[in-house]
Amino acid sequence: MDSFSTGSSGTGSPQISTEELMNQVKVQLSQAYVQEFIETVQEKCFVRCITKPGSSLSGSESSCISRCVDRYIEATSIVGTTHPKCKT
């Protein structure tokens, strides 16, 4: 059994397989990318679209935010499908 196999290493803590470790890293990276995306969209779209912060959005602010978020989603999708390092 190699050092990445499940089982104990004598220290009482179970070992995980390389595949399980890679899956955990992928999940954590995905979560970090989603969080970064949300923060970027919130910051950029808020600055661009909200001219007078208040208790509610005007119709034009709401439309602007919707278009802004759609553009960021589309751009992220394009980059994800065309950039070689983003492909798994």
N, C-alpha and C. Protein backbone atom coordinates (compact mmCIF):
# COMPACT_ATOMS: atom_id res chain seq x y z
N MET A 1 0.85 -1.17 0.00
CA MET A 1 0.00 0.00 0.00
C MET A 1 0.89 1.23 0.00
N ASP A 2 0.66 2.22 -0.93
CA ASP A 2 1.49 3.42 -0.96
C ASP A 2 1.03 4.43 0.08
N SER A 3 1.76 5.53 0.22
CA SER A 3 1.47 6.50 1.28
C SER A 3 0.19 7.29 1.03
N PHE A 4 -0.40 7.19 -0.16
CA PHE A 4 -1.63 7.92 -0.45
C PHE A 4 -2.87 7.03 -0.34
N SER A 5 -2.70 5.78 -0.05
CA SER A 5 -3.82 4.85 0.04
C SER A 5 -4.57 5.09 1.33
N THR A 6 -5.84 4.67 1.32
CA THR A 6 -6.60 4.77 2.55
C THR A 6 -6.07 3.73 3.52
N GLY A 7 -6.19 4.07 4.74
CA GLY A 7 -5.63 3.22 5.78
C GLY A 7 -4.93 4.12 6.76
N SER A 8 -4.26 3.55 7.73
CA SER A 8 -3.57 4.42 8.68
C SER A 8 -2.08 4.35 8.46
N SER A 9 -1.43 5.44 8.79
CA SER A 9 0.02 5.52 8.60
C SER A 9 0.75 5.27 9.90
N GLY A 10 0.04 4.79 10.89
CA GLY A 10 0.68 4.57 12.17
C GLY A 10 0.48 5.76 13.10
N THR A 11 -0.02 6.87 12.57
CA THR A 11 -0.24 8.05 13.40
C THR A 11 -1.69 8.16 13.85
N GLY A 12 -2.52 7.24 13.40
CA GLY A 12 -3.92 7.27 13.78
C GLY A 12 -4.79 8.08 12.84
N SER A 13 -4.19 8.79 11.90
CA SER A 13 -4.98 9.58 10.96
C SER A 13 -5.08 8.84 9.63
N PRO A 14 -6.28 8.76 9.06
CA PRO A 14 -6.43 8.04 7.79
C PRO A 14 -5.79 8.80 6.63
N GLN A 15 -5.28 8.07 5.67
CA GLN A 15 -4.69 8.65 4.47
C GLN A 15 -5.76 8.69 3.39
N ILE A 16 -5.66 9.65 2.48
CA ILE A 16 -6.60 9.69 1.36
C ILE A 16 -5.83 9.43 0.08
N SER A 17 -6.55 8.96 -0.92
CA SER A 17 -5.90 8.65 -2.19
C SER A 17 -5.55 9.94 -2.93
N THR A 18 -4.68 9.83 -3.89
CA THR A 18 -4.29 10.97 -4.71
C THR A 18 -5.51 11.52 -5.44
N GLU A 19 -6.36 10.63 -5.93
CA GLU A 19 -7.56 11.07 -6.64
C GLU A 19 -8.49 11.86 -5.72
N GLU A 20 -8.68 11.39 -4.51
CA GLU A 20 -9.53 12.10 -3.55
C GLU A 20 -8.94 13.47 -3.22
N LEU A 21 -7.63 13.52 -3.04
CA LEU A 21 -6.96 14.78 -2.76
C LEU A 21 -7.13 15.76 -3.91
N MET A 22 -6.95 15.28 -5.14
CA MET A 22 -7.13 16.14 -6.32
C MET A 22 -8.56 16.64 -6.41
N ASN A 23 -9.52 15.79 -6.11
CA ASN A 23 -10.93 16.21 -6.14
C ASN A 23 -11.20 17.29 -5.10
N GLN A 24 -10.63 17.14 -3.91
CA GLN A 24 -10.79 18.15 -2.87
C GLN A 24 -10.17 19.48 -3.29
N VAL A 25 -9.00 19.43 -3.90
CA VAL A 25 -8.34 20.65 -4.37
C VAL A 25 -9.17 21.31 -5.46
N LYS A 26 -9.71 20.51 -6.39
CA LYS A 26 -10.55 21.06 -7.46
C LYS A 26 -11.79 21.75 -6.89
N VAL A 27 -12.41 21.14 -5.88
CA VAL A 27 -13.59 21.73 -5.26
C VAL A 27 -13.23 23.05 -4.59
N GLN A 28 -12.12 23.07 -3.87
CA GLN A 28 -11.69 24.29 -3.21
C GLN A 28 -11.36 25.39 -4.21
N LEU A 29 -10.69 25.03 -5.31
CA LEU A 29 -10.38 26.02 -6.35
C LEU A 29 -11.66 26.55 -6.99
N SER A 30 -12.59 25.67 -7.26
CA SER A 30 -13.87 26.09 -7.84
C SER A 30 -14.59 27.07 -6.92
N GLN A 31 -14.60 26.76 -5.64
CA GLN A 31 -15.24 27.65 -4.67
C GLN A 31 -14.53 29.02 -4.63
N ALA A 32 -13.21 29.01 -4.68
CA ALA A 32 -12.46 30.26 -4.67
C ALA A 32 -12.73 31.08 -5.93
N TYR A 33 -12.80 30.41 -7.10
CA TYR A 33 -13.09 31.11 -8.34
C TYR A 33 -14.49 31.71 -8.33
N VAL A 34 -15.46 30.97 -7.82
CA VAL A 34 -16.84 31.48 -7.74
C VAL A 34 -16.89 32.69 -6.81
N GLN A 35 -16.23 32.59 -5.67
CA GLN A 35 -16.22 33.71 -4.72
C GLN A 35 -15.58 34.95 -5.34
N GLU A 36 -14.45 34.75 -6.02
CA GLU A 36 -13.77 35.87 -6.67
C GLU A 36 -14.64 36.48 -7.77
N PHE A 37 -15.31 35.63 -8.53
CA PHE A 37 -16.20 36.10 -9.60
C PHE A 37 -17.32 36.95 -9.01
N ILE A 38 -17.95 36.46 -7.95
CA ILE A 38 -19.06 37.19 -7.33
C ILE A 38 -18.58 38.54 -6.79
N GLU A 39 -17.44 38.55 -6.13
CA GLU A 39 -16.91 39.81 -5.58
C GLU A 39 -16.58 40.80 -6.70
N THR A 40 -15.99 40.32 -7.78
CA THR A 40 -15.64 41.19 -8.90
C THR A 40 -16.90 41.77 -9.55
N VAL A 41 -17.88 40.92 -9.80
CA VAL A 41 -19.12 41.37 -10.42
C VAL A 41 -19.83 42.37 -9.52
N GLN A 42 -19.90 42.07 -8.24
CA GLN A 42 -20.55 43.00 -7.31
C GLN A 42 -19.87 44.36 -7.33
N GLU A 43 -18.55 44.35 -7.25
CA GLU A 43 -17.81 45.61 -7.22
C GLU A 43 -17.95 46.38 -8.53
N LYS A 44 -17.66 45.73 -9.64
CA LYS A 44 -17.68 46.41 -10.94
C LYS A 44 -19.08 46.88 -11.32
N CYS A 45 -20.06 46.00 -11.17
CA CYS A 45 -21.41 46.36 -11.58
C CYS A 45 -22.01 47.41 -10.65
N PHE A 46 -21.71 47.34 -9.37
CA PHE A 46 -22.22 48.35 -8.45
C PHE A 46 -21.67 49.72 -8.82
N VAL A 47 -20.36 49.80 -9.02
CA VAL A 47 -19.72 51.08 -9.37
C VAL A 47 -20.28 51.63 -10.68
N ARG A 48 -20.47 50.75 -11.65
CA ARG A 48 -20.94 51.16 -12.97
C ARG A 48 -22.42 51.54 -12.98
N CYS A 49 -23.23 50.84 -12.21
CA CYS A 49 -24.69 50.96 -12.38
C CYS A 49 -25.42 51.74 -11.29
N ILE A 50 -24.90 51.78 -10.11
CA ILE A 50 -25.63 52.44 -9.02
C ILE A 50 -25.13 53.88 -8.89
N THR A 51 -25.94 54.80 -9.37
CA THR A 51 -25.53 56.20 -9.36
C THR A 51 -25.91 56.90 -8.05
N LYS A 52 -27.04 56.52 -7.49
CA LYS A 52 -27.50 57.11 -6.23
C LYS A 52 -27.95 55.99 -5.30
N PRO A 53 -27.04 55.47 -4.46
CA PRO A 53 -27.45 54.37 -3.57
C PRO A 53 -28.64 54.78 -2.70
N GLY A 54 -29.57 53.88 -2.58
CA GLY A 54 -30.76 54.12 -1.78
C GLY A 54 -31.33 52.80 -1.29
N SER A 55 -32.59 52.84 -0.88
CA SER A 55 -33.21 51.64 -0.32
C SER A 55 -33.70 50.68 -1.39
N SER A 56 -33.78 51.15 -2.64
CA SER A 56 -34.20 50.27 -3.73
C SER A 56 -33.53 50.71 -5.03
N LEU A 57 -33.56 49.83 -6.03
CA LEU A 57 -32.96 50.13 -7.32
C LEU A 57 -33.99 50.77 -8.23
N SER A 58 -33.54 51.74 -9.03
CA SER A 58 -34.41 52.29 -10.07
C SER A 58 -34.48 51.28 -11.21
N GLY A 59 -35.39 51.48 -12.13
CA GLY A 59 -35.51 50.59 -13.27
C GLY A 59 -34.25 50.55 -14.11
N SER A 60 -33.65 51.72 -14.33
CA SER A 60 -32.43 51.77 -15.14
C SER A 60 -31.26 51.11 -14.41
N GLU A 61 -31.19 51.27 -13.09
CA GLU A 61 -30.13 50.61 -12.32
C GLU A 61 -30.30 49.09 -12.36
N SER A 62 -31.51 48.63 -12.24
CA SER A 62 -31.80 47.20 -12.29
C SER A 62 -31.42 46.62 -13.65
N SER A 63 -31.78 47.32 -14.73
CA SER A 63 -31.43 46.85 -16.08
C SER A 63 -29.93 46.85 -16.27
N CYS A 64 -29.26 47.88 -15.80
CA CYS A 64 -27.81 47.98 -15.93
C CYS A 64 -27.13 46.83 -15.20
N ILE A 65 -27.56 46.55 -13.98
CA ILE A 65 -26.97 45.45 -13.20
C ILE A 65 -27.17 44.13 -13.93
N SER A 66 -28.37 43.91 -14.45
CA SER A 66 -28.67 42.67 -15.16
C SER A 66 -27.76 42.50 -16.38
N ARG A 67 -27.62 43.56 -17.17
CA ARG A 67 -26.76 43.49 -18.36
C ARG A 67 -25.30 43.29 -17.96
N CYS A 68 -24.87 43.99 -16.92
CA CYS A 68 -23.48 43.91 -16.45
C CYS A 68 -23.15 42.48 -16.01
N VAL A 69 -24.01 41.89 -15.20
CA VAL A 69 -23.79 40.52 -14.73
C VAL A 69 -23.79 39.55 -15.91
N ASP A 70 -24.73 39.74 -16.83
CA ASP A 70 -24.77 38.87 -18.03
C ASP A 70 -23.48 38.96 -18.82
N ARG A 71 -22.92 40.15 -18.97
CA ARG A 71 -21.66 40.32 -19.71
C ARG A 71 -20.52 39.59 -19.02
N TYR A 72 -20.44 39.72 -17.68
CA TYR A 72 -19.38 39.03 -16.95
C TYR A 72 -19.52 37.52 -17.05
N ILE A 73 -20.74 37.01 -16.98
CA ILE A 73 -20.96 35.57 -17.11
C ILE A 73 -20.54 35.11 -18.50
N GLU A 74 -20.95 35.84 -19.53
CA GLU A 74 -20.60 35.48 -20.90
C GLU A 74 -19.09 35.52 -21.11
N ALA A 75 -18.44 36.57 -20.62
CA ALA A 75 -16.99 36.70 -20.79
C ALA A 75 -16.26 35.57 -20.06
N THR A 76 -16.70 35.23 -18.87
CA THR A 76 -16.08 34.15 -18.12
C THR A 76 -16.25 32.82 -18.85
N SER A 77 -17.41 32.62 -19.41
CA SER A 77 -17.67 31.39 -20.17
C SER A 77 -16.76 31.29 -21.39
N ILE A 78 -16.61 32.40 -22.10
CA ILE A 78 -15.75 32.41 -23.29
C ILE A 78 -14.31 32.13 -22.91
N VAL A 79 -13.83 32.79 -21.87
CA VAL A 79 -12.45 32.57 -21.43
C VAL A 79 -12.27 31.12 -20.99
N GLY A 80 -13.24 30.60 -20.26
CA GLY A 80 -13.14 29.23 -19.77
C GLY A 80 -13.11 28.19 -20.87
N THR A 81 -13.79 28.46 -21.99
CA THR A 81 -13.83 27.48 -23.06
C THR A 81 -12.69 27.64 -24.06
N THR A 82 -12.07 28.82 -24.11
CA THR A 82 -11.02 29.04 -25.11
C THR A 82 -9.62 29.06 -24.54
N HIS A 83 -9.45 29.37 -23.28
CA HIS A 83 -8.12 29.43 -22.68
C HIS A 83 -7.64 28.02 -22.37
N PRO A 84 -6.49 27.62 -22.92
CA PRO A 84 -6.02 26.23 -22.76
C PRO A 84 -5.79 25.81 -21.31
N LYS A 85 -5.35 26.69 -20.45
CA LYS A 85 -5.07 26.32 -19.06
C LYS A 85 -6.35 26.14 -18.26
N CYS A 86 -7.46 26.65 -18.76
CA CYS A 86 -8.73 26.53 -18.04
C CYS A 86 -9.42 25.20 -18.33
N LYS A 87 -8.99 24.50 -19.37
CA LYS A 87 -9.61 23.23 -19.73
C LYS A 87 -9.09 22.13 -18.83
N THR A 88 -9.98 21.21 -18.46
CA THR A 88 -9.55 20.09 -17.59
C THR A 88 -9.45 18.83 -18.38
